Structures are given as C-alpha cells and as structure tokens.
Amino acid sequence: NDKTEPEKLGRHDDVSNWYLFHRISDLDQLGDKGSAVREQALGLIADADMRIVFGLKSDTAPKVAEVLGMNDTVTRLTLDFEPGEGLFLVGQKRVAVVRVQPTAAEFAAFKTDTVERSNS
C-alpha cells in the first residue's frame, strides 16, 4: 500500500500516538459503519500495542469489548472497577489491573465526573 498512514510511520521514529475516547460510541461520529474514515480509526485501534480501559457500565461494555477485542472475563472485571482502577491490555496476551495514582495536577486535568460552571 503506497498510502502508509503517518501514525504507522511514526513507529520507526519512536513516536507514541495516543487516542483518547471518553466513550467508544464517539467513533460513531466518524461516519457510517463501513466508511473509510471509521475503518481507518478502527484499524489504528486494532494496531495499538497498549489499550487502557477504565470502569465500564454494563450497557457500554459489549461494544467496548467488541472494538478492543476483549474477552468476557476481562470485560467483567471492568464493571466492578473503583475510580482510578484500569485494565491495561499490553500487546495481544498481557492483561493487568492497575490502580492509577494521579498527581494533583493530573487529577484536576482529567477529572470528568463533575462539571464546573461559571456564572458569566
């Protein structure tokens, strides 16, 4: 294929690409099922050597499991996670449950369960 994706070329330069999703359904905004852009995004996810999944809800877990190739056992683990616990999928065969301990600055930047509203 002579249209090699820049993300794949970056591997040779020790570049790490990160794709962050609040919800896996955000992929639905990329286009209809089967569209070129959506398939490219799914391909990039499939090629990722590291996937990190924090707590899932039972209604979203099946879709996340499908997209990330998670089996039933690891998918069930994510349903009982406490805040800060994550499932690290490393390569094709390694799985670890990790408790993330963010710094105060990281916590402030990534806290998504509350919204501060200004009165302006």
Protein backbone atom coordinates (compact mmCIF):
# COMPACT_ATOMS: atom_id res chain seq x y z
CA ASN A 1 0.00 0.00 0.00
CA ASP A 2 1.62 3.28 -1.08
CA LYS A 3 -0.59 5.37 1.24
CA THR A 4 1.06 4.43 4.53
CA GLU A 5 -0.56 6.18 7.45
CA PRO A 6 1.63 8.76 9.25
CA GLU A 7 0.75 7.09 12.56
CA LYS A 8 2.37 3.87 11.40
CA LEU A 9 5.45 5.66 10.03
CA GLY A 10 5.98 7.28 13.43
CA ARG A 11 6.83 3.91 14.98
CA HIS A 12 10.19 3.99 13.20
CA ASP A 13 10.97 7.32 14.89
CA ASP A 14 9.94 6.11 18.37
CA VAL A 15 6.77 8.20 18.27
CA SER A 16 3.90 7.12 20.50
CA ASN A 17 0.44 8.03 19.26
CA TRP A 18 -2.35 8.27 21.84
CA TYR A 19 -6.06 8.16 21.05
CA LEU A 20 -8.36 9.06 23.92
CA PHE A 21 -12.07 8.30 23.99
CA HIS A 22 -14.49 9.26 26.69
CA ARG A 23 -16.94 6.81 25.15
CA ILE A 24 -16.30 4.25 22.44
CA SER A 25 -19.53 5.44 20.82
CA ASP A 26 -17.60 8.61 19.92
CA LEU A 27 -16.38 6.55 16.95
CA ASP A 28 -19.92 6.78 15.59
CA GLN A 29 -19.25 10.46 14.86
CA LEU A 30 -16.58 9.48 12.33
CA GLY A 31 -19.03 8.16 9.81
CA ASP A 32 -21.34 5.33 8.95
CA LYS A 33 -20.37 1.74 9.58
CA GLY A 34 -18.02 0.70 6.80
CA SER A 35 -16.96 4.26 5.89
CA ALA A 36 -13.28 4.77 5.08
CA VAL A 37 -12.62 7.16 7.98
CA ARG A 38 -14.31 4.90 10.51
CA GLU A 39 -12.46 1.84 9.22
CA GLN A 40 -9.16 3.73 9.42
CA ALA A 41 -9.89 4.66 13.05
CA LEU A 42 -10.78 1.05 13.90
CA GLY A 43 -7.58 -0.09 12.20
CA LEU A 44 -5.48 2.28 14.30
CA ILE A 45 -7.15 0.97 17.46
CA ALA A 46 -6.56 -2.62 16.37
CA ASP A 47 -2.86 -1.86 15.79
CA ALA A 48 -2.38 -0.29 19.22
CA ASP A 49 0.07 -2.19 21.39
CA MET A 50 -1.38 -0.74 24.59
CA ARG A 51 -5.03 -0.21 25.44
CA ILE A 52 -6.21 1.16 28.77
CA VAL A 53 -9.83 0.74 29.84
CA PHE A 54 -11.25 2.29 32.99
CA GLY A 55 -14.55 1.31 34.58
CA LEU A 56 -17.31 0.43 32.13
CA LYS A 57 -21.05 0.39 32.54
CA SER A 58 -22.97 -2.73 31.63
CA ASP A 59 -24.71 -1.03 28.67
CA THR A 60 -21.44 0.08 27.03
CA ALA A 61 -19.20 -2.88 27.91
CA PRO A 62 -20.22 -5.13 24.98
CA LYS A 63 -19.36 -2.51 22.34
CA VAL A 64 -16.04 -1.66 24.00
CA ALA A 65 -15.22 -5.37 24.24
CA GLU A 66 -16.00 -5.84 20.55
CA VAL A 67 -13.90 -2.89 19.37
CA LEU A 68 -10.94 -3.71 21.63
CA GLY A 69 -11.13 -7.48 21.26
CA MET A 70 -11.66 -8.10 24.97
CA ASN A 71 -12.91 -11.48 26.19
CA ASP A 72 -15.79 -11.91 28.66
CA THR A 73 -13.51 -12.37 31.66
CA VAL A 74 -11.61 -9.10 31.31
CA THR A 75 -14.76 -7.27 30.28
CA ARG A 76 -16.49 -8.35 33.51
CA LEU A 77 -13.53 -7.06 35.53
CA THR A 78 -14.10 -3.53 34.25
CA LEU A 79 -17.69 -3.50 35.55
CA ASP A 80 -16.52 -3.53 39.18
CA PHE A 81 -13.65 -1.05 38.99
CA GLU A 82 -13.32 1.70 41.55
CA PRO A 83 -12.29 5.17 40.34
CA GLY A 84 -8.63 5.04 39.33
CA GLU A 85 -8.56 1.33 38.51
CA GLY A 86 -7.84 0.43 34.93
CA LEU A 87 -7.39 -2.59 32.74
CA PHE A 88 -4.12 -2.44 30.83
CA LEU A 89 -4.08 -4.61 27.71
CA VAL A 90 -0.48 -4.91 26.58
CA GLY A 91 0.15 -6.48 23.20
CA GLN A 92 -2.06 -9.43 22.37
CA LYS A 93 -1.62 -11.52 25.51
CA ARG A 94 -0.83 -9.46 28.61
CA VAL A 95 -3.52 -8.09 30.88
CA ALA A 96 -3.05 -6.21 34.16
CA VAL A 97 -5.39 -4.43 36.53
CA VAL A 98 -3.65 -1.24 37.64
CA ARG A 99 -4.52 1.38 40.23
CA VAL A 100 -3.55 4.77 38.84
CA GLN A 101 -2.38 7.35 41.39
CA PRO A 102 -2.50 10.74 39.63
CA THR A 103 -0.74 13.83 40.89
CA ALA A 104 -2.98 16.72 41.98
CA ALA A 105 -2.42 18.47 38.63
CA GLU A 106 -3.25 15.31 36.66
CA PHE A 107 -6.36 14.75 38.74
CA ALA A 108 -7.56 18.30 38.11
CA ALA A 109 -6.91 18.00 34.37
CA PHE A 110 -8.61 14.65 33.86
CA LYS A 111 -11.45 14.63 36.41
CA THR A 112 -14.53 14.14 34.25
CA ASP A 113 -17.24 13.17 36.72
CA THR A 114 -18.12 16.75 37.69
CA VAL A 115 -18.58 19.91 35.70
CA GLU A 116 -17.72 23.34 36.98
CA ARG A 117 -19.92 26.04 35.55
CA SER A 118 -19.17 29.73 35.52
CA ASN A 119 -21.90 32.30 36.13
CA SER A 120 -20.72 34.63 33.35
